[in-house]
Amino acid sequence: QVQLVESGGGLVQAGGSLNLACAASGRIFSNYAMGWFRQAPGKEREFVAAIAWTGGSTYYSDSVKGRFTISKENAKNMVSLQMNSLKLEDSAVYYCAADRLFNPYSVGRQSEYDYWGQGTQVTVSS
């Protein structure tokens, strides 16, 4: 069993930056992938970014590519999401998720993820 706790959300002006962190308790195995998703009010939850626990291959949605960076610290069981050049449309609840079986062809699929955090609110103001 893996438990995920996100932190780092808050209020930021457009163009600013935030760094989200996800702390995982329990064993993260080498074949895991870790991902970030987000859900804005009235919208479906969508994929943001993912990283393979072994090897560190990264994946991004088109909407955040070039602005967000996902990274990991294996020794600390932590995953981070550095968000730069934030836009109003980035406002959402951001969720950390863990997939027990990394598949590069399905990292963006919510149904692939087995564990989820409770989410952290990010609000971008004008």
Foldseek 3Di string as FASTA:
>chain_A
DKAKAKDWADEEAAQAKTKMKIAIDDDQDQQKKKFKWWDDPPGDIWGAKMFRSPPTDIDGDPVQPPFWDWDDDNVRRMIMIIGGNDDQVVWTWMKMFMANGDDPVCPGPPVRTDYIYPTDTHGYHD
